[in-house]
Amino acid sequence: MSRLVVLPTSRAGWVLLIVFVAVVAAGIWPVIGWVNRAVLVLGLPLLVVWSYLVIFACFAVMLIANRVLERKEDHHD
């Protein structure tokens, strides 16, 4: 039977996993409830700005993870 979950094997992998989970957690209900206020930031509601930040943070973490994986794969060849 194959494993359903693949866990990181390096310290960098674990750090990236923890950061990614934290960023995803920033986009779920309890945090959204704290951010959902009638405040404008640069003319946009705070919730919209928060959503953009979560999306860009996810993108950044995945980009960094891909770069780290590329570097590790290059060393193994």
C-alpha atoms as a PDB file:
ATOM      1  CA  MET A   1       0.000   0.000   0.000  1.00  0.00           C
ATOM      2  CA  SER A   2       1.398   3.410  -0.929  1.00  0.00           C
ATOM      3  CA  ARG A   3       1.704   6.190   1.607  1.00  0.00           C
ATOM      4  CA  LEU A   4      -1.037   8.781   1.451  1.00  0.00           C
ATOM      5  CA  VAL A   5       1.076  11.493   3.053  1.00  0.00           C
ATOM      6  CA  VAL A   6       4.573  12.455   2.007  1.00  0.00           C
ATOM      7  CA  LEU A   7       6.496  14.244   4.738  1.00  0.00           C
ATOM      8  CA  PRO A   8       9.519  16.496   4.283  1.00  0.00           C
ATOM      9  CA  THR A   9      12.934  14.924   4.720  1.00  0.00           C
ATOM     10  CA  SER A  10      14.984  18.065   5.405  1.00  0.00           C
ATOM     11  CA  ARG A  11      14.935  20.951   7.844  1.00  0.00           C
ATOM     12  CA  ALA A  12      14.183  23.375   4.981  1.00  0.00           C
ATOM     13  CA  GLY A  13      11.267  21.173   3.925  1.00  0.00           C
ATOM     14  CA  TRP A  14       9.788  21.199   7.413  1.00  0.00           C
ATOM     15  CA  VAL A  15      10.196  24.989   7.690  1.00  0.00           C
ATOM     16  CA  LEU A  16       8.484  25.500   4.341  1.00  0.00           C
ATOM     17  CA  LEU A  17       5.648  23.147   5.335  1.00  0.00           C
ATOM     18  CA  ILE A  18       5.099  25.008   8.615  1.00  0.00           C
ATOM     19  CA  VAL A  19       5.170  28.405   6.868  1.00  0.00           C
ATOM     20  CA  PHE A  20       2.747  27.215   4.186  1.00  0.00           C
ATOM     21  CA  VAL A  21       0.331  25.816   6.783  1.00  0.00           C
ATOM     22  CA  ALA A  22       0.547  29.126   8.689  1.00  0.00           C
ATOM     23  CA  VAL A  23      -0.241  31.105   5.535  1.00  0.00           C
ATOM     24  CA  VAL A  24      -3.201  28.849   4.722  1.00  0.00           C
ATOM     25  CA  ALA A  25      -4.392  29.188   8.338  1.00  0.00           C
ATOM     26  CA  ALA A  26      -4.312  32.970   7.861  1.00  0.00           C
ATOM     27  CA  GLY A  27      -7.024  32.530   5.231  1.00  0.00           C
ATOM     28  CA  ILE A  28      -9.546  30.493   7.226  1.00  0.00           C
ATOM     29  CA  TRP A  29     -12.474  31.535   9.359  1.00  0.00           C
ATOM     30  CA  PRO A  30     -11.126  32.512  12.797  1.00  0.00           C
ATOM     31  CA  VAL A  31      -8.512  34.822  11.300  1.00  0.00           C
ATOM     32  CA  ILE A  32     -10.913  36.180   8.706  1.00  0.00           C
ATOM     33  CA  GLY A  33     -13.296  37.045  11.558  1.00  0.00           C
ATOM     34  CA  TRP A  34     -10.552  39.091  13.245  1.00  0.00           C
ATOM     35  CA  VAL A  35      -9.690  40.911  10.015  1.00  0.00           C
ATOM     36  CA  ASN A  36     -13.251  41.558   8.827  1.00  0.00           C
ATOM     37  CA  ARG A  37     -13.637  45.168   9.961  1.00  0.00           C
ATOM     38  CA  ALA A  38     -15.045  48.289   8.347  1.00  0.00           C
ATOM     39  CA  VAL A  39     -11.608  49.761   7.651  1.00  0.00           C
ATOM     40  CA  LEU A  40     -10.239  50.950   4.330  1.00  0.00           C
ATOM     41  CA  VAL A  41      -6.610  50.343   3.378  1.00  0.00           C
ATOM     42  CA  LEU A  42      -5.509  52.144   0.215  1.00  0.00           C
ATOM     43  CA  GLY A  43      -9.188  52.519  -0.668  1.00  0.00           C
ATOM     44  CA  LEU A  44      -9.941  48.797  -0.300  1.00  0.00           C
ATOM     45  CA  PRO A  45     -11.718  47.009   2.543  1.00  0.00           C
ATOM     46  CA  LEU A  46      -9.292  45.420   5.012  1.00  0.00           C
ATOM     47  CA  LEU A  47     -10.669  41.958   4.216  1.00  0.00           C
ATOM     48  CA  VAL A  48      -9.822  42.363   0.516  1.00  0.00           C
ATOM     49  CA  VAL A  49      -6.290  43.529   1.328  1.00  0.00           C
ATOM     50  CA  TRP A  50      -5.882  40.575   3.714  1.00  0.00           C
ATOM     51  CA  SER A  51      -7.088  38.168   1.011  1.00  0.00           C
ATOM     52  CA  TYR A  52      -4.541  39.559  -1.462  1.00  0.00           C
ATOM     53  CA  LEU A  53      -1.795  39.223   1.145  1.00  0.00           C
ATOM     54  CA  VAL A  54      -2.724  35.580   1.805  1.00  0.00           C
ATOM     55  CA  ILE A  55      -2.780  34.785  -1.920  1.00  0.00           C
ATOM     56  CA  PHE A  56       0.587  36.447  -2.581  1.00  0.00           C
ATOM     57  CA  ALA A  57       2.101  34.832   0.518  1.00  0.00           C
ATOM     58  CA  CYS A  58       0.983  31.377  -0.708  1.00  0.00           C
ATOM     59  CA  PHE A  59       2.524  32.148  -4.092  1.00  0.00           C
ATOM     60  CA  ALA A  60       5.784  33.294  -2.471  1.00  0.00           C
ATOM     61  CA  VAL A  61       6.079  30.230  -0.226  1.00  0.00           C
ATOM     62  CA  MET A  62       5.437  27.877  -3.151  1.00  0.00           C
ATOM     63  CA  LEU A  63       7.963  29.768  -5.307  1.00  0.00           C
ATOM     64  CA  ILE A  64      10.597  29.517  -2.568  1.00  0.00           C
ATOM     65  CA  ALA A  65       9.797  25.827  -2.069  1.00  0.00           C
ATOM     66  CA  ASN A  66      10.259  25.152  -5.785  1.00  0.00           C
ATOM     67  CA  ARG A  67      13.611  26.954  -5.761  1.00  0.00           C
ATOM     68  CA  VAL A  68      14.769  24.945  -2.724  1.00  0.00           C
ATOM     69  CA  LEU A  69      13.639  21.693  -4.352  1.00  0.00           C
ATOM     70  CA  GLU A  70      15.419  22.573  -7.610  1.00  0.00           C
ATOM     71  CA  ARG A  71      18.616  23.308  -5.719  1.00  0.00           C
ATOM     72  CA  LYS A  72      18.436  20.027  -3.773  1.00  0.00           C
ATOM     73  CA  GLU A  73      17.730  18.024  -6.957  1.00  0.00           C
ATOM     74  CA  ASP A  74      20.706  19.663  -8.723  1.00  0.00           C
ATOM     75  CA  HIS A  75      23.012  18.568  -5.888  1.00  0.00           C
ATOM     76  CA  HIS A  76      21.890  14.948  -6.126  1.00  0.00           C
ATOM     77  CA  ASP A  77      22.713  14.536  -9.829  1.00  0.00           C
END
